[in-house]
Amino acid sequence: MYNAGDVILAQVQFTDTFEVKTRPAVVLFEEYGNIVVAGVTSNTEMEGIPLTKKEGAVKDSIIKVNYIFTISEKMVKKRLFSLSQEKKRILISEFVKRLNK
């Protein structure tokens, strides 16, 4: 079972190709064996929420709040770390802002 704010390593399919790669993602919620996640990229030029090595990331990264998808729990390779409460609040705040546009 995974909790909101867990950073996982999972197999994900990219939106512009049929290719599946193993990438980090942040768990938003899990239900019935499906996990809704936000993608994470090491391209720090992209828009999103910064995630640093100090916080547990392998590299300084960005949580992409515009890249949300659902995966099966079977696609998760492992749990890497959990976001701090403050970072989870920032993540939720960003989603609420975007939903209210």
PDB file of N, CA and C in Angstrom:
ATOM      1  N   MET A   1       0.841  -1.191   0.000  1.00  0.00           N
ATOM      2  CA  MET A   1       0.000   0.000   0.000  1.00  0.00           C
ATOM      3  C   MET A   1       0.877   1.243   0.000  1.00  0.00           C
ATOM      4  N   TYR A   2       0.494   2.201  -0.795  1.00  0.00           N
ATOM      5  CA  TYR A   2       1.246   3.443  -0.914  1.00  0.00           C
ATOM      6  C   TYR A   2       0.386   4.601  -0.418  1.00  0.00           C
ATOM      7  N   ASN A   3       1.048   5.602   0.144  1.00  0.00           N
ATOM      8  CA  ASN A   3       0.354   6.752   0.712  1.00  0.00           C
ATOM      9  C   ASN A   3       0.632   8.005  -0.099  1.00  0.00           C
ATOM     10  N   ALA A   4      -0.293   8.970   0.008  1.00  0.00           N
ATOM     11  CA  ALA A   4      -0.097  10.259  -0.646  1.00  0.00           C
ATOM     12  C   ALA A   4       1.242  10.841  -0.210  1.00  0.00           C
ATOM     13  N   GLY A   5       2.019  11.299  -1.174  1.00  0.00           N
ATOM     14  CA  GLY A   5       3.328  11.876  -0.883  1.00  0.00           C
ATOM     15  C   GLY A   5       4.475  10.900  -0.985  1.00  0.00           C
ATOM     16  N   ASP A   6       4.195   9.610  -1.145  1.00  0.00           N
ATOM     17  CA  ASP A   6       5.279   8.653  -1.358  1.00  0.00           C
ATOM     18  C   ASP A   6       5.868   8.890  -2.747  1.00  0.00           C
ATOM     19  N   VAL A   7       7.168   8.894  -2.825  1.00  0.00           N
ATOM     20  CA  VAL A   7       7.840   8.972  -4.127  1.00  0.00           C
ATOM     21  C   VAL A   7       8.234   7.542  -4.466  1.00  0.00           C
ATOM     22  N   ILE A   8       7.774   7.085  -5.613  1.00  0.00           N
ATOM     23  CA  ILE A   8       7.984   5.704  -6.027  1.00  0.00           C
ATOM     24  C   ILE A   8       8.774   5.644  -7.325  1.00  0.00           C
ATOM     25  N   LEU A   9       9.306   4.482  -7.604  1.00  0.00           N
ATOM     26  CA  LEU A   9       9.929   4.196  -8.890  1.00  0.00           C
ATOM     27  C   LEU A   9       8.986   3.230  -9.586  1.00  0.00           C
ATOM     28  N   ALA A  10       8.474   3.621 -10.759  1.00  0.00           N
ATOM     29  CA  ALA A  10       7.449   2.816 -11.422  1.00  0.00           C
ATOM     30  C   ALA A  10       7.619   2.827 -12.928  1.00  0.00           C
ATOM     31  N   GLN A  11       7.015   1.846 -13.559  1.00  0.00           N
ATOM     32  CA  GLN A  11       6.975   1.798 -15.012  1.00  0.00           C
ATOM     33  C   GLN A  11       5.837   2.713 -15.453  1.00  0.00           C
ATOM     34  N   VAL A  12       6.162   3.664 -16.313  1.00  0.00           N
ATOM     35  CA  VAL A  12       5.149   4.595 -16.797  1.00  0.00           C
ATOM     36  C   VAL A  12       5.217   4.677 -18.319  1.00  0.00           C
ATOM     37  N   GLN A  13       4.065   4.951 -18.912  1.00  0.00           N
ATOM     38  CA  GLN A  13       4.007   5.137 -20.355  1.00  0.00           C
ATOM     39  C   GLN A  13       3.976   6.630 -20.640  1.00  0.00           C
ATOM     40  N   PHE A  14       4.773   7.045 -21.583  1.00  0.00           N
ATOM     41  CA  PHE A  14       4.823   8.446 -21.951  1.00  0.00           C
ATOM     42  C   PHE A  14       3.629   8.797 -22.827  1.00  0.00           C
ATOM     43  N   THR A  15       3.179  10.056 -22.754  1.00  0.00           N
ATOM     44  CA  THR A  15       1.980  10.463 -23.481  1.00  0.00           C
ATOM     45  C   THR A  15       2.200  10.558 -24.984  1.00  0.00           C
ATOM     46  N   ASP A  16       3.440  10.766 -25.409  1.00  0.00           N
ATOM     47  CA  ASP A  16       3.691  10.972 -26.835  1.00  0.00           C
ATOM     48  C   ASP A  16       4.257   9.736 -27.545  1.00  0.00           C
ATOM     49  N   THR A  17       4.261   8.601 -26.854  1.00  0.00           N
ATOM     50  CA  THR A  17       4.800   7.375 -27.430  1.00  0.00           C
ATOM     51  C   THR A  17       4.204   6.171 -26.702  1.00  0.00           C
ATOM     52  N   PHE A  18       4.384   4.993 -27.257  1.00  0.00           N
ATOM     53  CA  PHE A  18       3.924   3.782 -26.588  1.00  0.00           C
ATOM     54  C   PHE A  18       5.006   3.213 -25.673  1.00  0.00           C
ATOM     55  N   GLU A  19       6.137   3.887 -25.607  1.00  0.00           N
ATOM     56  CA  GLU A  19       7.267   3.423 -24.820  1.00  0.00           C
ATOM     57  C   GLU A  19       6.970   3.470 -23.317  1.00  0.00           C
ATOM     58  N   VAL A  20       7.396   2.431 -22.617  1.00  0.00           N
ATOM     59  CA  VAL A  20       7.259   2.364 -21.161  1.00  0.00           C
ATOM     60  C   VAL A  20       8.652   2.414 -20.565  1.00  0.00           C
ATOM     61  N   LYS A  21       8.833   3.318 -19.585  1.00  0.00           N
ATOM     62  CA  LYS A  21      10.132   3.463 -18.929  1.00  0.00           C
ATOM     63  C   LYS A  21       9.945   3.471 -17.423  1.00  0.00           C
ATOM     64  N   THR A  22      11.008   3.155 -16.711  1.00  0.00           N
ATOM     65  CA  THR A  22      10.979   3.221 -15.254  1.00  0.00           C
ATOM     66  C   THR A  22      11.373   4.631 -14.844  1.00  0.00           C
ATOM     67  N   ARG A  23      10.461   5.296 -14.119  1.00  0.00           N
ATOM     68  CA  ARG A  23      10.654   6.690 -13.730  1.00  0.00           C
ATOM     69  C   ARG A  23      10.099   6.934 -12.325  1.00  0.00           C
ATOM     70  N   PRO A  24      10.570   7.982 -11.676  1.00  0.00           N
ATOM     71  CA  PRO A  24       9.997   8.337 -10.374  1.00  0.00           C
ATOM     72  C   PRO A  24       8.658   9.047 -10.557  1.00  0.00           C
ATOM     73  N   ALA A  25       7.815   8.929  -9.546  1.00  0.00           N
ATOM     74  CA  ALA A  25       6.512   9.588  -9.541  1.00  0.00           C
ATOM     75  C   ALA A  25       6.089   9.792  -8.086  1.00  0.00           C
ATOM     76  N   VAL A  26       5.201  10.753  -7.872  1.00  0.00           N
ATOM     77  CA  VAL A  26       4.682  11.026  -6.534  1.00  0.00           C
ATOM     78  C   VAL A  26       3.252  10.490  -6.452  1.00  0.00           C
ATOM     79  N   VAL A  27       3.001   9.675  -5.445  1.00  0.00           N
ATOM     80  CA  VAL A  27       1.662   9.116  -5.240  1.00  0.00           C
ATOM     81  C   VAL A  27       0.719  10.215  -4.760  1.00  0.00           C
ATOM     82  N   LEU A  28      -0.423  10.332  -5.438  1.00  0.00           N
ATOM     83  CA  LEU A  28      -1.476  11.250  -5.007  1.00  0.00           C
ATOM     84  C   LEU A  28      -2.509  10.488  -4.182  1.00  0.00           C
ATOM     85  N   PHE A  29      -2.943   9.329  -4.697  1.00  0.00           N
ATOM     86  CA  PHE A  29      -3.757   8.417  -3.898  1.00  0.00           C
ATOM     87  C   PHE A  29      -3.789   7.055  -4.560  1.00  0.00           C
ATOM     88  N   GLU A  30      -4.181   6.055  -3.775  1.00  0.00           N
ATOM     89  CA  GLU A  30      -4.284   4.680  -4.252  1.00  0.00           C
ATOM     90  C   GLU A  30      -5.680   4.177  -3.933  1.00  0.00           C
ATOM     91  N   GLU A  31      -6.255   3.453  -4.905  1.00  0.00           N
ATOM     92  CA  GLU A  31      -7.588   2.916  -4.691  1.00  0.00           C
ATOM     93  C   GLU A  31      -7.782   1.698  -5.587  1.00  0.00           C
ATOM     94  N   TYR A  32      -8.225   0.598  -5.020  1.00  0.00           N
ATOM     95  CA  TYR A  32      -8.531  -0.623  -5.764  1.00  0.00           C
ATOM     96  C   TYR A  32      -7.379  -1.112  -6.640  1.00  0.00           C
ATOM     97  N   GLY A  33      -6.160  -1.003  -6.142  1.00  0.00           N
ATOM     98  CA  GLY A  33      -5.002  -1.490  -6.888  1.00  0.00           C
ATOM     99  C   GLY A  33      -4.492  -0.540  -7.951  1.00  0.00           C
ATOM    100  N   ASN A  34      -5.131   0.615  -8.078  1.00  0.00           N
ATOM    101  CA  ASN A  34      -4.671   1.644  -9.010  1.00  0.00           C
ATOM    102  C   ASN A  34      -4.074   2.795  -8.218  1.00  0.00           C
ATOM    103  N   ILE A  35      -3.025   3.388  -8.758  1.00  0.00           N
ATOM    104  CA  ILE A  35      -2.350   4.491  -8.084  1.00  0.00           C
ATOM    105  C   ILE A  35      -2.337   5.700  -9.016  1.00  0.00           C
ATOM    106  N   VAL A  36      -2.860   6.806  -8.529  1.00  0.00           N
ATOM    107  CA  VAL A  36      -2.830   8.062  -9.287  1.00  0.00           C
ATOM    108  C   VAL A  36      -1.569   8.794  -8.855  1.00  0.00           C
ATOM    109  N   VAL A  37      -0.748   9.159  -9.839  1.00  0.00           N
ATOM    110  CA  VAL A  37       0.556   9.751  -9.555  1.00  0.00           C
ATOM    111  C   VAL A  37       0.801  11.014 -10.378  1.00  0.00           C
ATOM    112  N   ALA A  38       1.749  11.804  -9.898  1.00  0.00           N
ATOM    113  CA  ALA A  38       2.279  12.950 -10.646  1.00  0.00           C
ATOM    114  C   ALA A  38       3.700  12.575 -11.061  1.00  0.00           C
ATOM    115  N   GLY A  39       4.024  12.827 -12.302  1.00  0.00           N
ATOM    116  CA  GLY A  39       5.350  12.508 -12.799  1.00  0.00           C
ATOM    117  C   GLY A  39       6.428  13.406 -12.203  1.00  0.00           C
ATOM    118  N   VAL A  40       7.645  12.894 -12.201  1.00  0.00           N
ATOM    119  CA  VAL A  40       8.813  13.632 -11.716  1.00  0.00           C
ATOM    120  C   VAL A  40       9.851  13.625 -12.829  1.00  0.00           C
ATOM    121  N   THR A  41      10.492  14.775 -13.056  1.00  0.00           N
ATOM    122  CA  THR A  41      11.537  14.873 -14.069  1.00  0.00           C
ATOM    123  C   THR A  41      12.792  15.491 -13.465  1.00  0.00           C
ATOM    124  N   SER A  42      13.934  15.100 -13.985  1.00  0.00           N
ATOM    125  CA  SER A  42      15.186  15.727 -13.550  1.00  0.00           C
ATOM    126  C   SER A  42      15.506  16.964 -14.379  1.00  0.00           C
ATOM    127  N   ASN A  43      14.636  17.290 -15.344  1.00  0.00           N
ATOM    128  CA  ASN A  43      14.797  18.502 -16.139  1.00  0.00           C
ATOM    129  C   ASN A  43      14.289  19.679 -15.309  1.00  0.00           C
ATOM    130  N   THR A  44      15.190  20.340 -14.612  1.00  0.00           N
ATOM    131  CA  THR A  44      14.809  21.415 -13.686  1.00  0.00           C
ATOM    132  C   THR A  44      14.363  22.687 -14.398  1.00  0.00           C
ATOM    133  N   GLU A  45      14.390  22.700 -15.721  1.00  0.00           N
ATOM    134  CA  GLU A  45      13.887  23.838 -16.487  1.00  0.00           C
ATOM    135  C   GLU A  45      12.366  23.761 -16.662  1.00  0.00           C
ATOM    136  N   MET A  46      11.797  22.598 -16.392  1.00  0.00           N
ATOM    137  CA  MET A  46      10.356  22.424 -16.563  1.00  0.00           C
ATOM    138  C   MET A  46       9.599  23.090 -15.432  1.00  0.00           C
ATOM    139  N   GLU A  47       8.334  23.388 -15.699  1.00  0.00           N
ATOM    140  CA  GLU A  47       7.469  24.005 -14.691  1.00  0.00           C
ATOM    141  C   GLU A  47       6.973  22.942 -13.715  1.00  0.00           C
ATOM    142  N   GLY A  48       6.923  23.296 -12.445  1.00  0.00           N
ATOM    143  CA  GLY A  48       6.416  22.377 -11.437  1.00  0.00           C
ATOM    144  C   GLY A  48       6.967  22.712 -10.065  1.00  0.00           C
ATOM    145  N   ILE A  49       6.940  21.742  -9.200  1.00  0.00           N
ATOM    146  CA  ILE A  49       7.378  21.928  -7.817  1.00  0.00           C
ATOM    147  C   ILE A  49       8.768  21.333  -7.642  1.00  0.00           C
ATOM    148  N   PRO A  50       9.729  22.137  -7.211  1.00  0.00           N
ATOM    149  CA  PRO A  50      11.091  21.620  -7.028  1.00  0.00           C
ATOM    150  C   PRO A  50      11.161  20.520  -5.973  1.00  0.00           C
ATOM    151  N   LEU A  51      11.988  19.535  -6.243  1.00  0.00           N
ATOM    152  CA  LEU A  51      12.253  18.430  -5.331  1.00  0.00           C
ATOM    153  C   LEU A  51      13.769  18.252  -5.310  1.00  0.00           C
ATOM    154  N   THR A  52      14.387  18.426  -4.155  1.00  0.00           N
ATOM    155  CA  THR A  52      15.843  18.454  -4.078  1.00  0.00           C
ATOM    156  C   THR A  52      16.448  17.138  -3.588  1.00  0.00           C
ATOM    157  N   LYS A  53      17.743  17.002  -3.823  1.00  0.00           N
ATOM    158  CA  LYS A  53      18.475  15.854  -3.300  1.00  0.00           C
ATOM    159  C   LYS A  53      18.402  15.836  -1.774  1.00  0.00           C
ATOM    160  N   LYS A  54      18.418  17.008  -1.166  1.00  0.00           N
ATOM    161  CA  LYS A  54      18.332  17.110   0.296  1.00  0.00           C
ATOM    162  C   LYS A  54      17.022  16.503   0.815  1.00  0.00           C
ATOM    163  N   GLU A  55      15.969  16.579  -0.006  1.00  0.00           N
ATOM    164  CA  GLU A  55      14.667  16.029   0.380  1.00  0.00           C
ATOM    165  C   GLU A  55      14.577  14.518   0.135  1.00  0.00           C
ATOM    166  N   GLY A  56      15.554  13.962  -0.584  1.00  0.00           N
ATOM    167  CA  GLY A  56      15.562  12.529  -0.836  1.00  0.00           C
ATOM    168  C   GLY A  56      15.653  12.125  -2.292  1.00  0.00           C
ATOM    169  N   ALA A  57      15.516  13.077  -3.198  1.00  0.00           N
ATOM    170  CA  ALA A  57      15.593  12.761  -4.629  1.00  0.00           C
ATOM    171  C   ALA A  57      17.012  12.360  -5.009  1.00  0.00           C
ATOM    172  N   VAL A  58      17.138  11.497  -5.999  1.00  0.00           N
ATOM    173  CA  VAL A  58      18.451  11.090  -6.496  1.00  0.00           C
ATOM    174  C   VAL A  58      19.161  12.288  -7.119  1.00  0.00           C
ATOM    175  N   LYS A  59      18.399  13.119  -7.827  1.00  0.00           N
ATOM    176  CA  LYS A  59      18.894  14.360  -8.436  1.00  0.00           C
ATOM    177  C   LYS A  59      17.886  15.453  -8.132  1.00  0.00           C
ATOM    178  N   ASP A  60      18.321  16.706  -8.188  1.00  0.00           N
ATOM    179  CA  ASP A  60      17.358  17.791  -8.109  1.00  0.00           C
ATOM    180  C   ASP A  60      16.360  17.588  -9.249  1.00  0.00           C
ATOM    181  N   SER A  61      15.092  17.705  -8.935  1.00  0.00           N
ATOM    182  CA  SER A  61      14.040  17.353  -9.880  1.00  0.00           C
ATOM    183  C   SER A  61      12.859  18.301  -9.773  1.00  0.00           C
ATOM    184  N   ILE A  62      11.849  18.036 -10.579  1.00  0.00           N
ATOM    185  CA  ILE A  62      10.609  18.805 -10.596  1.00  0.00           C
ATOM    186  C   ILE A  62       9.437  17.829 -10.555  1.00  0.00           C
ATOM    187  N   ILE A  63       8.480  18.084  -9.657  1.00  0.00           N
ATOM    188  CA  ILE A  63       7.222  17.341  -9.664  1.00  0.00           C
ATOM    189  C   ILE A  63       6.337  18.038 -10.693  1.00  0.00           C
ATOM    190  N   LYS A  64       5.945  17.309 -11.719  1.00  0.00           N
ATOM    191  CA  LYS A  64       5.173  17.889 -12.820  1.00  0.00           C
ATOM    192  C   LYS A  64       3.677  17.807 -12.499  1.00  0.00           C
ATOM    193  N   VAL A  65       3.114  18.912 -12.035  1.00  0.00           N
ATOM    194  CA  VAL A  65       1.698  18.914 -11.666  1.00  0.00           C
ATOM    195  C   VAL A  65       0.782  18.857 -12.885  1.00  0.00           C
ATOM    196  N   ASN A  66       1.330  18.996 -14.074  1.00  0.00           N
ATOM    197  CA  ASN A  66       0.529  18.880 -15.294  1.00  0.00           C
ATOM    198  C   ASN A  66       0.650  17.492 -15.927  1.00  0.00           C
ATOM    199  N   TYR A  67       1.303  16.554 -15.258  1.00  0.00           N
ATOM    200  CA  TYR A  67       1.512  15.212 -15.789  1.00  0.00           C
ATOM    201  C   TYR A  67       0.990  14.201 -14.775  1.00  0.00           C
ATOM    202  N   ILE A  68      -0.317  13.987 -14.790  1.00  0.00           N
ATOM    203  CA  ILE A  68      -1.001  13.112 -13.852  1.00  0.00           C
ATOM    204  C   ILE A  68      -1.484  11.884 -14.609  1.00  0.00           C
ATOM    205  N   PHE A  69      -1.280  10.710 -14.024  1.00  0.00           N
ATOM    206  CA  PHE A  69      -1.744   9.503 -14.675  1.00  0.00           C
ATOM    207  C   PHE A  69      -1.990   8.411 -13.645  1.00  0.00           C
ATOM    208  N   THR A  70      -2.658   7.354 -14.083  1.00  0.00           N
ATOM    209  CA  THR A  70      -2.983   6.223 -13.227  1.00  0.00           C
ATOM    210  C   THR A  70      -2.176   5.016 -13.670  1.00  0.00           C
ATOM    211  N   ILE A  71      -1.589   4.334 -12.687  1.00  0.00           N
ATOM    212  CA  ILE A  71      -0.844   3.109 -12.965  1.00  0.00           C
ATOM    213  C   ILE A  71      -1.378   1.998 -12.070  1.00  0.00           C
ATOM    214  N   SER A  72      -1.118   0.777 -12.445  1.00  0.00           N
ATOM    215  CA  SER A  72      -1.439  -0.366 -11.601  1.00  0.00           C
ATOM    216  C   SER A  72      -0.364  -0.476 -10.523  1.00  0.00           C
ATOM    217  N   GLU A  73      -0.758  -0.930  -9.336  1.00  0.00           N
ATOM    218  CA  GLU A  73       0.235  -1.122  -8.272  1.00  0.00           C
ATOM    219  C   GLU A  73       1.311  -2.121  -8.701  1.00  0.00           C
ATOM    220  N   LYS A  74       1.002  -2.964  -9.674  1.00  0.00           N
ATOM    221  CA  LYS A  74       1.968  -3.945 -10.175  1.00  0.00           C
ATOM    222  C   LYS A  74       3.106  -3.292 -10.947  1.00  0.00           C
ATOM    223  N   MET A  75       2.919  -2.039 -11.348  1.00  0.00           N
ATOM    224  CA  MET A  75       3.947  -1.332 -12.114  1.00  0.00           C
ATOM    225  C   MET A  75       4.979  -0.653 -11.212  1.00  0.00           C
ATOM    226  N   VAL A  76       4.765  -0.684  -9.904  1.00  0.00           N
ATOM    227  CA  VAL A  76       5.676  -0.043  -8.960  1.00  0.00           C
ATOM    228  C   VAL A  76       6.850  -0.971  -8.675  1.00  0.00           C
ATOM    229  N   LYS A  77       8.052  -0.436  -8.867  1.00  0.00           N
ATOM    230  CA  LYS A  77       9.269  -1.197  -8.578  1.00  0.00           C
ATOM    231  C   LYS A  77       9.612  -1.111  -7.090  1.00  0.00           C
ATOM    232  N   LYS A  78       9.539   0.134  -6.539  1.00  0.00           N
ATOM    233  CA  LYS A  78       9.818   0.307  -5.116  1.00  0.00           C
ATOM    234  C   LYS A  78       9.447   1.708  -4.661  1.00  0.00           C
ATOM    235  N   ARG A  79       9.312   1.854  -3.354  1.00  0.00           N
ATOM    236  CA  ARG A  79       9.086   3.150  -2.720  1.00  0.00           C
ATOM    237  C   ARG A  79      10.465   3.738  -2.422  1.00  0.00           C
ATOM    238  N   LEU A  80      10.674   5.003  -2.795  1.00  0.00           N
ATOM    239  CA  LEU A  80      11.972   5.639  -2.593  1.00  0.00           C
ATOM    240  C   LEU A  80      12.032   6.437  -1.288  1.00  0.00           C
ATOM    241  N   PHE A  81      11.056   7.326  -1.065  1.00  0.00           N
ATOM    242  CA  PHE A  81      10.979   8.150   0.141  1.00  0.00           C
ATOM    243  C   PHE A  81       9.630   8.835   0.162  1.00  0.00           C
ATOM    244  N   SER A  82       9.350   9.583   1.216  1.00  0.00           N
ATOM    245  CA  SER A  82       8.094  10.327   1.313  1.00  0.00           C
ATOM    246  C   SER A  82       8.368  11.818   1.366  1.00  0.00           C
ATOM    247  N   LEU A  83       7.477  12.585   0.770  1.00  0.00           N
ATOM    248  CA  LEU A  83       7.571  14.041   0.839  1.00  0.00           C
ATOM    249  C   LEU A  83       7.304  14.510   2.269  1.00  0.00           C
ATOM    250  N   SER A  84       7.878  15.630   2.629  1.00  0.00           N
ATOM    251  CA  SER A  84       7.586  16.240   3.923  1.00  0.00           C
ATOM    252  C   SER A  84       6.143  16.735   3.925  1.00  0.00           C
ATOM    253  N   GLN A  85       5.599  16.982   5.110  1.00  0.00           N
ATOM    254  CA  GLN A  85       4.241  17.525   5.206  1.00  0.00           C
ATOM    255  C   GLN A  85       4.141  18.860   4.472  1.00  0.00           C
ATOM    256  N   GLU A  86       5.162  19.692   4.601  1.00  0.00           N
ATOM    257  CA  GLU A  86       5.154  20.998   3.934  1.00  0.00           C
ATOM    258  C   GLU A  86       5.130  20.842   2.415  1.00  0.00           C
ATOM    259  N   LYS A  87       5.924  19.913   1.886  1.00  0.00           N
ATOM    260  CA  LYS A  87       5.947  19.697   0.434  1.00  0.00           C
ATOM    261  C   LYS A  87       4.605  19.139  -0.046  1.00  0.00           C
ATOM    262  N   LYS A  88       3.983  18.272   0.747  1.00  0.00           N
ATOM    263  CA  LYS A  88       2.657  17.765   0.383  1.00  0.00           C
ATOM    264  C   LYS A  88       1.633  18.900   0.354  1.00  0.00           C
ATOM    265  N   ARG A  89       1.720  19.833   1.302  1.00  0.00           N
ATOM    266  CA  ARG A  89       0.804  20.982   1.307  1.00  0.00           C
ATOM    267  C   ARG A  89       0.995  21.824   0.049  1.00  0.00           C
ATOM    268  N   ILE A  90       2.244  22.029  -0.347  1.00  0.00           N
ATOM    269  CA  ILE A  90       2.537  22.797  -1.565  1.00  0.00           C
ATOM    270  C   ILE A  90       1.948  22.086  -2.782  1.00  0.00           C
ATOM    271  N   LEU A  91       2.116  20.783  -2.853  1.00  0.00           N
ATOM    272  CA  LEU A  91       1.593  19.987  -3.969  1.00  0.00           C
ATOM    273  C   LEU A  91       0.073  20.096  -4.047  1.00  0.00           C
ATOM    274  N   ILE A  92      -0.603  19.931  -2.934  1.00  0.00           N
ATOM    275  CA  ILE A  92      -2.061  20.030  -2.903  1.00  0.00           C
ATOM    276  C   ILE A  92      -2.506  21.436  -3.307  1.00  0.00           C
ATOM    277  N   SER A  93      -1.815  22.436  -2.793  1.00  0.00           N
ATOM    278  CA  SER A  93      -2.144  23.825  -3.119  1.00  0.00           C
ATOM    279  C   SER A  93      -2.038  24.078  -4.623  1.00  0.00           C
ATOM    280  N   GLU A  94      -1.012  23.544  -5.251  1.00  0.00           N
ATOM    281  CA  GLU A  94      -0.834  23.709  -6.705  1.00  0.00           C
ATOM    282  C   GLU A  94      -1.982  23.069  -7.478  1.00  0.00           C
ATOM    283  N   PHE A  95      -2.418  21.875  -7.048  1.00  0.00           N
ATOM    284  CA  PHE A  95      -3.532  21.228  -7.724  1.00  0.00           C
ATOM    285  C   PHE A  95      -4.808  22.029  -7.571  1.00  0.00           C
ATOM    286  N   VAL A  96      -5.063  22.522  -6.370  1.00  0.00           N
ATOM    287  CA  VAL A  96      -6.272  23.301  -6.130  1.00  0.00           C
ATOM    288  C   VAL A  96      -6.263  24.558  -7.000  1.00  0.00           C
ATOM    289  N   LYS A  97      -5.120  25.233  -7.086  1.00  0.00           N
ATOM    290  CA  LYS A  97      -5.021  26.436  -7.946  1.00  0.00           C
ATOM    291  C   LYS A  97      -5.384  26.104  -9.393  1.00  0.00           C
ATOM    292  N   ARG A  98      -4.857  24.999  -9.891  1.00  0.00           N
ATOM    293  CA  ARG A  98      -5.104  24.623 -11.276  1.00  0.00           C
ATOM    294  C   ARG A  98      -6.549  24.193 -11.512  1.00  0.00           C
ATOM    295  N   LEU A  99      -7.153  23.559 -10.525  1.00  0.00           N
ATOM    296  CA  LEU A  99      -8.555  23.141 -10.655  1.00  0.00           C
ATOM    297  C   LEU A  99      -9.499  24.335 -10.611  1.00  0.00           C
ATOM    298  N   ASN A 100      -9.063  25.404  -9.989  1.00  0.00           N
ATOM    299  CA  ASN A 100      -9.908  26.594  -9.862  1.00  0.00           C
ATOM    300  C   ASN A 100      -9.716  27.596 -10.992  1.00  0.00           C
ATOM    301  N   LYS A 101      -8.914  27.268 -11.989  1.00  0.00           N
ATOM    302  CA  LYS A 101      -8.684  28.201 -13.108  1.00  0.00           C
ATOM    303  C   LYS A 101      -9.908  28.289 -13.982  1.00  0.00           C
TER     304      LYS A 101
END
